[in-house]
Protein backbone atom coordinates (compact mmCIF):
# COMPACT_ATOMS: atom_id res chain seq x y z
CA MET A 1 100.13 104.21 129.13
CA SER A 2 100.54 106.71 126.94
CA GLY A 3 102.63 110.03 126.42
CA LYS A 4 104.60 112.20 123.79
CA ILE A 5 108.01 112.18 122.30
CA ASN A 6 108.64 114.97 120.02
CA GLY A 7 105.23 116.45 119.19
CA GLY A 8 103.75 112.77 118.22
CA SER A 9 102.06 110.59 120.26
CA PHE A 10 103.29 106.59 121.66
CA LEU A 11 101.93 104.16 123.62
CA LYS A 12 103.66 102.05 126.10
CA VAL A 13 104.03 98.77 125.73
CA GLY A 14 104.45 97.16 129.01
CA GLU A 15 103.73 94.37 130.97
CA GLY A 16 99.99 93.85 131.90
CA SER A 17 98.56 94.05 129.01
CA THR A 18 94.79 92.75 128.56
CA ILE A 19 95.01 91.99 125.05
CA LYS A 20 95.39 88.69 123.81
CA GLY A 21 98.23 87.75 121.46
CA PRO A 22 99.25 85.06 119.44
CA SER A 23 99.60 82.74 121.86
CA SER A 24 95.31 82.90 122.76
CA GLY A 25 94.67 80.47 120.50
CA ASN A 26 92.61 82.83 117.94
CA ASN A 27 92.82 82.74 114.35
CA PHE A 28 94.11 86.16 113.97
CA ASP A 29 97.66 86.06 114.35
CA HIS A 30 98.70 88.13 111.22
CA TYR A 31 97.52 91.29 113.69
CA TYR A 32 99.86 91.01 116.30
CA LYS A 33 103.29 92.01 115.88
CA ASN A 34 106.00 91.45 118.94
CA VAL A 35 107.49 94.80 119.78
CA LYS A 36 108.97 93.48 123.20
CA GLU A 37 112.42 95.17 122.72
CA LEU A 38 110.94 98.42 121.80
CA ASP A 39 110.42 100.51 124.84
CA PHE A 40 107.50 102.59 122.49
CA ILE A 41 105.78 102.44 118.90
CA ASP A 42 104.58 105.54 116.75
CA ILE A 43 102.53 105.69 113.66
CA TYR A 44 106.31 105.02 111.10
CA ARG A 45 106.96 102.29 113.01
CA VAL A 46 103.11 100.87 112.49
CA LEU A 47 103.11 101.18 109.57
CA ASP A 48 106.41 99.05 108.81
CA LEU A 49 105.69 96.48 110.62
CA TYR A 50 102.40 95.76 108.76
CA GLN A 51 104.32 96.41 105.77
CA VAL A 52 102.36 99.69 104.31
CA TYR A 53 104.09 101.25 101.96
CA HIS A 54 101.67 102.44 99.79
CA PRO A 55 101.62 106.27 100.83
CA CYS A 56 97.63 106.70 99.68
CA ILE A 57 97.18 104.07 102.52
CA GLN A 58 100.07 105.12 104.49
CA HIS A 59 98.10 108.55 104.75
CA ALA A 60 94.53 107.13 105.34
CA VAL A 61 96.00 105.07 108.34
CA LYS A 62 97.37 108.04 110.06
CA LYS A 63 94.38 110.35 109.85
CA LEU A 64 92.18 107.06 110.96
CA LEU A 65 94.56 106.60 113.78
CA VAL A 66 94.22 110.00 114.93
CA ALA A 67 91.36 111.27 113.72
CA GLY A 68 90.45 114.24 115.25
CA GLY A 69 93.31 113.81 118.13
CA ARG A 70 95.66 116.69 117.02
CA GLY A 71 94.00 119.28 117.50
CA HIS A 72 93.79 120.56 114.41
CA LYS A 73 90.85 119.45 112.24
CA ASP A 74 87.64 117.39 113.79
CA GLN A 75 87.20 113.85 113.70
CA THR A 76 85.00 113.48 110.70
CA GLU A 77 87.92 116.08 108.42
CA ASP A 78 90.43 113.41 108.80
CA ILE A 79 88.10 110.79 108.45
CA GLN A 80 87.44 112.59 105.29
CA GLU A 81 90.58 112.93 104.72
CA ALA A 82 91.04 109.39 105.00
CA ILE A 83 87.94 108.76 102.79
CA THR A 84 89.62 111.22 100.18
CA SER A 85 93.49 108.93 100.13
CA LEU A 86 91.49 106.18 99.76
CA THR A 87 89.58 107.10 96.78
CA ARG A 88 92.95 108.37 95.30
CA TRP A 89 94.29 105.02 95.84
CA LEU A 90 91.33 103.32 93.77
CA GLU A 91 91.87 105.94 90.71
CA MET A 92 95.75 104.67 90.78
CA ARG A 93 94.97 101.13 90.60
CA ARG A 94 92.39 101.23 88.31
CA GLU A 95 95.22 103.57 86.06
CA ASP A 96 97.63 101.08 86.64
CA GLY A 97 95.34 98.62 85.34
CA GLY A 98 94.19 96.91 88.73
CA ARG A 99 97.74 95.59 89.63
CA GLU A 100 98.01 94.64 93.35
CA ASP A 101 101.64 96.41 95.02
């Protein structure tokens, strides 16, 4: 289920989900976060849960998650902006001597 709060999109977290989590025995446990205590999550919660703290990467993730879905730009424009942000991230890493954040 999805909806809107304060103009932003959210996903309702509930029972009966078909998404398999860590208990499914897969090797991708790092992709799953426990959000049982939350009624909904927004992009900022997702960024925090996955510890995405660099502004260039945050911007790219936001653009990709709602590419073409905000009504301002089409999917191609949003994806191009994500690519531009990630390119800047790469440039900044080179400027900083390739250090990890």
